Protein backbone atom coordinates (compact mmCIF):
# COMPACT_ATOMS: atom_id res chain seq x y z
CA MET A 1 -10.22 11.80 -6.12
CA GLN A 2 -11.59 8.53 -4.64
CA GLN A 3 -10.34 7.65 -1.24
CA GLY A 4 -7.39 5.03 -1.58
CA ILE A 5 -6.62 6.34 -5.01
CA GLY A 6 -3.18 7.96 -5.35
CA SER A 7 -2.39 10.67 -7.86
CA ASN A 8 -0.37 8.04 -9.91
CA ASP A 9 -3.55 6.10 -10.36
CA THR A 10 -5.23 9.07 -12.22
CA SER A 11 -2.52 8.84 -14.95
CA LEU A 12 -3.79 9.03 -18.46
CA ILE A 13 -3.97 5.52 -19.99
CA LEU A 14 -3.50 5.33 -23.79
CA GLN A 15 -3.62 2.34 -26.19
CA PHE A 16 -2.63 2.68 -29.73
CA VAL A 17 -4.02 -0.04 -31.95
CA GLY A 18 -3.04 -0.27 -35.63
CA GLU A 19 -2.90 -2.90 -38.26
CA GLY A 20 -0.45 -5.57 -36.89
CA LEU A 21 0.92 -3.33 -34.14
CA SER A 22 -0.52 -2.15 -30.76
CA CYS A 23 1.13 -0.27 -27.85
CA LEU A 24 -0.24 0.22 -24.35
CA PHE A 25 0.87 3.30 -22.30
CA PRO A 26 -0.61 2.98 -18.78
CA GLY A 27 1.26 5.85 -17.28
CA ASP A 28 2.10 5.36 -13.55
CA ILE A 29 -0.88 3.25 -12.54
CA GLY A 30 -0.57 0.86 -9.65
CA LYS A 31 -1.83 -2.63 -9.06
CA GLN A 32 -5.37 -1.58 -8.04
CA ILE A 33 -6.02 0.29 -11.32
CA GLU A 34 -4.35 -2.61 -13.29
CA HIS A 35 -6.97 -4.94 -11.56
CA GLU A 36 -9.73 -2.62 -12.44
CA LEU A 37 -8.71 -2.59 -16.18
CA ILE A 38 -8.79 -6.35 -16.25
CA LYS A 39 -12.03 -6.53 -14.29
CA GLY A 40 -13.54 -4.04 -16.77
CA ASN A 41 -13.05 -6.46 -19.61
CA LYS A 42 -10.93 -3.97 -21.47
CA THR A 43 -8.85 -5.38 -24.44
CA LEU A 44 -5.46 -4.93 -23.01
CA GLN A 45 -3.35 -7.23 -25.26
CA SER A 46 -0.67 -5.21 -26.94
CA THR A 47 2.44 -5.81 -28.97
CA PHE A 48 4.44 -3.42 -26.73
CA LEU A 49 3.89 -2.36 -23.27
CA LEU A 50 5.43 0.66 -21.78
CA SER A 51 5.79 -0.64 -18.15
CA PRO A 52 3.60 1.08 -15.62
CA HIS A 53 5.44 3.37 -13.24
CA ASN A 54 8.92 2.78 -14.71
CA GLY A 55 8.61 -0.93 -13.94
CA SER A 56 8.31 -0.44 -10.27
CA LYS A 57 7.14 -2.99 -7.80
CA THR A 58 4.00 -1.10 -7.04
CA SER A 59 2.75 -1.82 -10.55
CA ASN A 60 3.29 -4.63 -13.03
CA SER A 61 1.20 -7.32 -11.41
CA ASN A 62 1.51 -10.81 -12.98
CA GLU A 63 -2.22 -10.70 -13.69
CA PHE A 64 -1.78 -7.38 -15.61
CA LEU A 65 1.23 -8.65 -17.52
CA GLU A 66 -0.54 -11.77 -18.64
CA ALA A 67 -3.53 -9.84 -19.58
CA VAL A 68 -1.52 -7.49 -21.87
CA SER A 69 0.55 -10.39 -23.18
CA ALA A 70 3.10 -8.15 -24.82
CA GLN A 71 5.81 -9.37 -26.98
CA GLN A 72 8.22 -6.67 -25.60
CA ILE A 73 8.14 -4.50 -22.49
CA VAL A 74 9.76 -1.10 -22.49
CA ILE A 75 11.02 0.58 -19.29
CA SER A 76 11.40 4.28 -19.32
CA ALA A 77 14.12 4.97 -16.77
CA GLY A 78 16.80 7.40 -16.05
CA ARG A 79 20.11 7.29 -14.26
CA PHE A 80 18.57 8.04 -10.92
CA ARG A 81 17.73 5.04 -8.77
CA PRO A 82 18.69 2.35 -11.22
CA GLN A 83 18.62 -0.22 -8.38
CA ILE A 84 14.86 0.39 -8.14
CA PHE A 85 13.62 0.62 -11.76
CA PRO A 86 12.81 -1.88 -13.13
CA SER A 87 11.95 -4.01 -10.09
CA THR A 88 13.54 -7.36 -9.52
CA LYS A 89 10.15 -8.90 -9.71
CA LEU A 90 9.49 -7.62 -13.14
CA GLN A 91 13.01 -8.56 -14.32
CA THR A 92 12.37 -12.15 -13.12
CA TYR A 93 8.96 -12.29 -14.79
CA CYS A 94 10.53 -11.20 -18.10
CA GLN A 95 13.39 -13.71 -17.81
CA ASN A 96 10.98 -16.67 -16.81
CA ASN A 97 8.77 -15.90 -19.77
CA LYS A 98 11.61 -15.14 -22.29
CA LEU A 99 10.22 -11.73 -22.70
CA PRO A 100 12.45 -8.94 -24.05
CA LEU A 101 12.81 -6.03 -21.49
CA LEU A 102 14.09 -2.82 -23.17
CA ASN A 103 15.35 -0.32 -20.70
CA THR A 104 15.97 3.29 -21.80
CA LEU A 105 18.74 3.66 -19.08
CA LYS A 106 20.75 0.91 -20.96
CA ILE A 107 19.91 1.42 -24.56
CA GLY A 108 18.75 5.06 -24.77
CA THR A 109 15.75 6.29 -26.77
CA ILE A 110 13.62 3.55 -28.26
CA THR A 111 11.73 4.02 -31.66
CA ILE A 112 9.22 1.50 -32.89
CA LEU A 113 8.57 1.42 -36.71
CA GLN A 114 6.11 -0.35 -38.73
CA HIS A 115 6.81 -0.88 -42.40
CA TYR A 116 3.75 -2.84 -43.75
CA LYS A 117 3.89 -6.23 -41.90
CA LYS A 118 7.45 -5.65 -40.61
CA ILE A 119 7.96 -4.27 -37.07
CA GLU A 120 11.34 -2.78 -36.25
CA VAL A 121 12.79 -1.48 -33.01
CA LYS A 122 15.56 1.06 -33.19
CA THR A 123 17.56 2.34 -30.11
CA PHE A 124 19.91 5.15 -29.59
CA PHE A 125 22.62 2.74 -28.61
CA PRO A 126 22.11 -0.07 -31.25
CA GLN A 127 25.36 -1.91 -30.27
CA LYS A 128 23.82 -2.66 -26.85
CA THR A 129 20.50 -4.00 -28.30
CA LYS A 130 19.94 -7.80 -28.84
CA ASN A 131 16.96 -9.53 -30.52
CA VAL A 132 14.68 -6.49 -30.95
CA SER A 133 13.69 -7.00 -34.63
CA PHE A 134 10.23 -8.41 -35.32
CA ALA A 135 10.90 -9.01 -39.03
CA GLU A 136 10.52 -12.75 -38.77
CA GLN A 137 8.17 -12.97 -35.87
CA PRO A 138 4.45 -13.01 -35.87
CA TYR A 139 2.82 -9.85 -34.79
CA ARG A 140 -0.56 -8.69 -33.54
């Protein structure tokens, strides 16, 4: 492992790209790896972003979030340490950019479905979910 690189920064990074739908799964990478991905001219733009490191303050730099340009951000967080995940900074970024933030702690399991050109988001607790259908929105 390179000096200065933590074990979280060796996370597997996956991007699913389909017709009209893309999802980025960056694992637990921190800001340094986010910067390297941007610098490496990787195409990061995705419809959905699974927020790095559960939405922590050690990840999710504004530069990275802007490069991904997601239409929705998903936070995979459990009941432990809800005051930490997602970070206040990420919540503020999403509010300021009118970007939906879906948190598994609040809405349970999240399933993303694509039916031709329609993208649908289903959650375990649908009564707690607002504005998560892409039926009338442009998609990439």
